Amino acid sequence: MVYGREIRLRRKNGELRDILLSAALIDFKDRKLILFQGIDITERKSAEKALREHEVMLRELAAHHDSVREGERAHIAREIHDELARR
């Protein structure tokens, strides 16, 4: 029995497709048969990849935002320190 195995197939036109494959050996009227199911998950895999890429970009943006905020805090602290030192 094969359940939920992901494979990549190439169509006649050369296009690659991701397939979720399941297969089972069954007895039917004293005969052994193979029950086969293949589901095209190409779009799902593409969406998952795009989501991972966006998550990376979001983490990088958040890190940059934190860095800028810390820089601004340091700048304000220096200005306050310098202003108080002049008095």
C-alpha atoms as a PDB file:
ATOM      1  CA  MET A   1       0.000   0.000   0.000  1.00  0.00           C
ATOM      2  CA  VAL A   2       1.207   3.486  -0.836  1.00  0.00           C
ATOM      3  CA  TYR A   3      -0.484   6.410   0.847  1.00  0.00           C
ATOM      4  CA  GLY A   4       0.166  10.100   0.331  1.00  0.00           C
ATOM      5  CA  ARG A   5       3.456   9.900  -1.554  1.00  0.00           C
ATOM      6  CA  GLU A   6       4.352  13.053  -3.444  1.00  0.00           C
ATOM      7  CA  ILE A   7       5.848  12.573  -6.884  1.00  0.00           C
ATOM      8  CA  ARG A   8       6.673  14.878  -9.772  1.00  0.00           C
ATOM      9  CA  LEU A   9       5.557  13.965 -13.271  1.00  0.00           C
ATOM     10  CA  ARG A  10       6.310  15.540 -16.622  1.00  0.00           C
ATOM     11  CA  ARG A  11       3.388  15.944 -19.006  1.00  0.00           C
ATOM     12  CA  LYS A  12       3.736  15.378 -22.744  1.00  0.00           C
ATOM     13  CA  ASN A  13       4.079  19.121 -23.247  1.00  0.00           C
ATOM     14  CA  GLY A  14       7.064  19.152 -20.834  1.00  0.00           C
ATOM     15  CA  GLU A  15       5.187  20.766 -17.956  1.00  0.00           C
ATOM     16  CA  LEU A  16       6.063  19.443 -14.491  1.00  0.00           C
ATOM     17  CA  ARG A  17       3.183  18.580 -12.146  1.00  0.00           C
ATOM     18  CA  ASP A  18       3.254  17.586  -8.482  1.00  0.00           C
ATOM     19  CA  ILE A  19       1.029  14.606  -7.718  1.00  0.00           C
ATOM     20  CA  LEU A  20      -0.141  13.146  -4.405  1.00  0.00           C
ATOM     21  CA  LEU A  21      -0.208   9.400  -5.042  1.00  0.00           C
ATOM     22  CA  SER A  22      -2.031   6.636  -3.194  1.00  0.00           C
ATOM     23  CA  ALA A  23      -2.368   3.004  -4.225  1.00  0.00           C
ATOM     24  CA  ALA A  24      -3.696  -0.148  -2.591  1.00  0.00           C
ATOM     25  CA  LEU A  25      -3.978  -3.820  -3.518  1.00  0.00           C
ATOM     26  CA  ILE A  26      -7.561  -5.023  -3.082  1.00  0.00           C
ATOM     27  CA  ASP A  27      -9.405  -8.333  -3.531  1.00  0.00           C
ATOM     28  CA  PHE A  28     -12.462  -8.089  -5.763  1.00  0.00           C
ATOM     29  CA  LYS A  29     -14.379 -11.200  -6.780  1.00  0.00           C
ATOM     30  CA  ASP A  30     -11.361 -13.441  -6.216  1.00  0.00           C
ATOM     31  CA  ARG A  31      -9.135 -11.126  -8.242  1.00  0.00           C
ATOM     32  CA  LYS A  32      -6.308  -8.914  -7.076  1.00  0.00           C
ATOM     33  CA  LEU A  33      -6.743  -5.329  -8.258  1.00  0.00           C
ATOM     34  CA  ILE A  34      -4.784  -2.170  -7.717  1.00  0.00           C
ATOM     35  CA  LEU A  35      -6.794   0.842  -6.642  1.00  0.00           C
ATOM     36  CA  PHE A  36      -4.883   3.943  -7.680  1.00  0.00           C
ATOM     37  CA  GLN A  37      -5.518   7.613  -6.929  1.00  0.00           C
ATOM     38  CA  GLY A  38      -3.489  10.600  -8.026  1.00  0.00           C
ATOM     39  CA  ILE A  39      -4.331  14.175  -7.048  1.00  0.00           C
ATOM     40  CA  ASP A  40      -2.677  17.142  -8.764  1.00  0.00           C
ATOM     41  CA  ILE A  41      -1.256  19.330  -5.984  1.00  0.00           C
ATOM     42  CA  THR A  42       0.871  21.596  -8.175  1.00  0.00           C
ATOM     43  CA  GLU A  43      -1.027  24.758  -7.275  1.00  0.00           C
ATOM     44  CA  ARG A  44      -0.972  23.908  -3.570  1.00  0.00           C
ATOM     45  CA  LYS A  45       2.807  23.338  -3.659  1.00  0.00           C
ATOM     46  CA  SER A  46       3.278  26.636  -5.483  1.00  0.00           C
ATOM     47  CA  ALA A  47       1.149  28.471  -2.894  1.00  0.00           C
ATOM     48  CA  GLU A  48       3.107  26.845  -0.036  1.00  0.00           C
ATOM     49  CA  LYS A  49       6.390  27.972  -1.603  1.00  0.00           C
ATOM     50  CA  ALA A  50       5.093  31.534  -2.038  1.00  0.00           C
ATOM     51  CA  LEU A  51       3.926  31.552   1.584  1.00  0.00           C
ATOM     52  CA  ARG A  52       7.353  30.436   2.833  1.00  0.00           C
ATOM     53  CA  GLU A  53       9.028  33.155   0.757  1.00  0.00           C
ATOM     54  CA  HIS A  54       6.663  35.808   2.123  1.00  0.00           C
ATOM     55  CA  GLU A  55       7.273  34.619   5.687  1.00  0.00           C
ATOM     56  CA  VAL A  56      11.029  35.074   5.151  1.00  0.00           C
ATOM     57  CA  MET A  57      10.471  38.569   3.760  1.00  0.00           C
ATOM     58  CA  LEU A  58       8.212  39.449   6.683  1.00  0.00           C
ATOM     59  CA  ARG A  59      10.820  38.275   9.224  1.00  0.00           C
ATOM     60  CA  GLU A  60      13.491  40.332   7.429  1.00  0.00           C
ATOM     61  CA  LEU A  61      11.224  43.392   7.406  1.00  0.00           C
ATOM     62  CA  ALA A  62      10.447  42.985  11.120  1.00  0.00           C
ATOM     63  CA  ALA A  63      14.163  42.685  11.903  1.00  0.00           C
ATOM     64  CA  HIS A  64      14.886  45.812   9.863  1.00  0.00           C
ATOM     65  CA  HIS A  65      12.063  47.665  11.622  1.00  0.00           C
ATOM     66  CA  ASP A  66      13.477  46.684  15.033  1.00  0.00           C
ATOM     67  CA  SER A  67      16.946  47.829  13.964  1.00  0.00           C
ATOM     68  CA  VAL A  68      15.649  51.210  12.778  1.00  0.00           C
ATOM     69  CA  ARG A  69      13.644  51.653  15.985  1.00  0.00           C
ATOM     70  CA  GLU A  70      16.699  50.895  18.143  1.00  0.00           C
ATOM     71  CA  GLY A  71      18.739  53.347  16.082  1.00  0.00           C
ATOM     72  CA  GLU A  72      16.125  56.045  16.617  1.00  0.00           C
ATOM     73  CA  ARG A  73      16.046  55.359  20.352  1.00  0.00           C
ATOM     74  CA  ALA A  74      19.835  55.660  20.547  1.00  0.00           C
ATOM     75  CA  HIS A  75      19.719  58.889  18.533  1.00  0.00           C
ATOM     76  CA  ILE A  76      17.059  60.412  20.810  1.00  0.00           C
ATOM     77  CA  ALA A  77      18.976  59.319  23.912  1.00  0.00           C
ATOM     78  CA  ARG A  78      22.149  61.001  22.582  1.00  0.00           C
ATOM     79  CA  GLU A  79      20.221  64.212  21.825  1.00  0.00           C
ATOM     80  CA  ILE A  80      18.721  64.282  25.314  1.00  0.00           C
ATOM     81  CA  HIS A  81      22.128  63.582  26.855  1.00  0.00           C
ATOM     82  CA  ASP A  82      23.797  66.315  24.785  1.00  0.00           C
ATOM     83  CA  GLU A  83      21.024  68.817  25.576  1.00  0.00           C
ATOM     84  CA  LEU A  84      21.256  68.130  29.293  1.00  0.00           C
ATOM     85  CA  ALA A  85      25.076  68.398  29.170  1.00  0.00           C
ATOM     86  CA  ARG A  86      24.812  71.888  27.620  1.00  0.00           C
ATOM     87  CA  ARG A  87      22.697  73.208  30.466  1.00  0.00           C
END
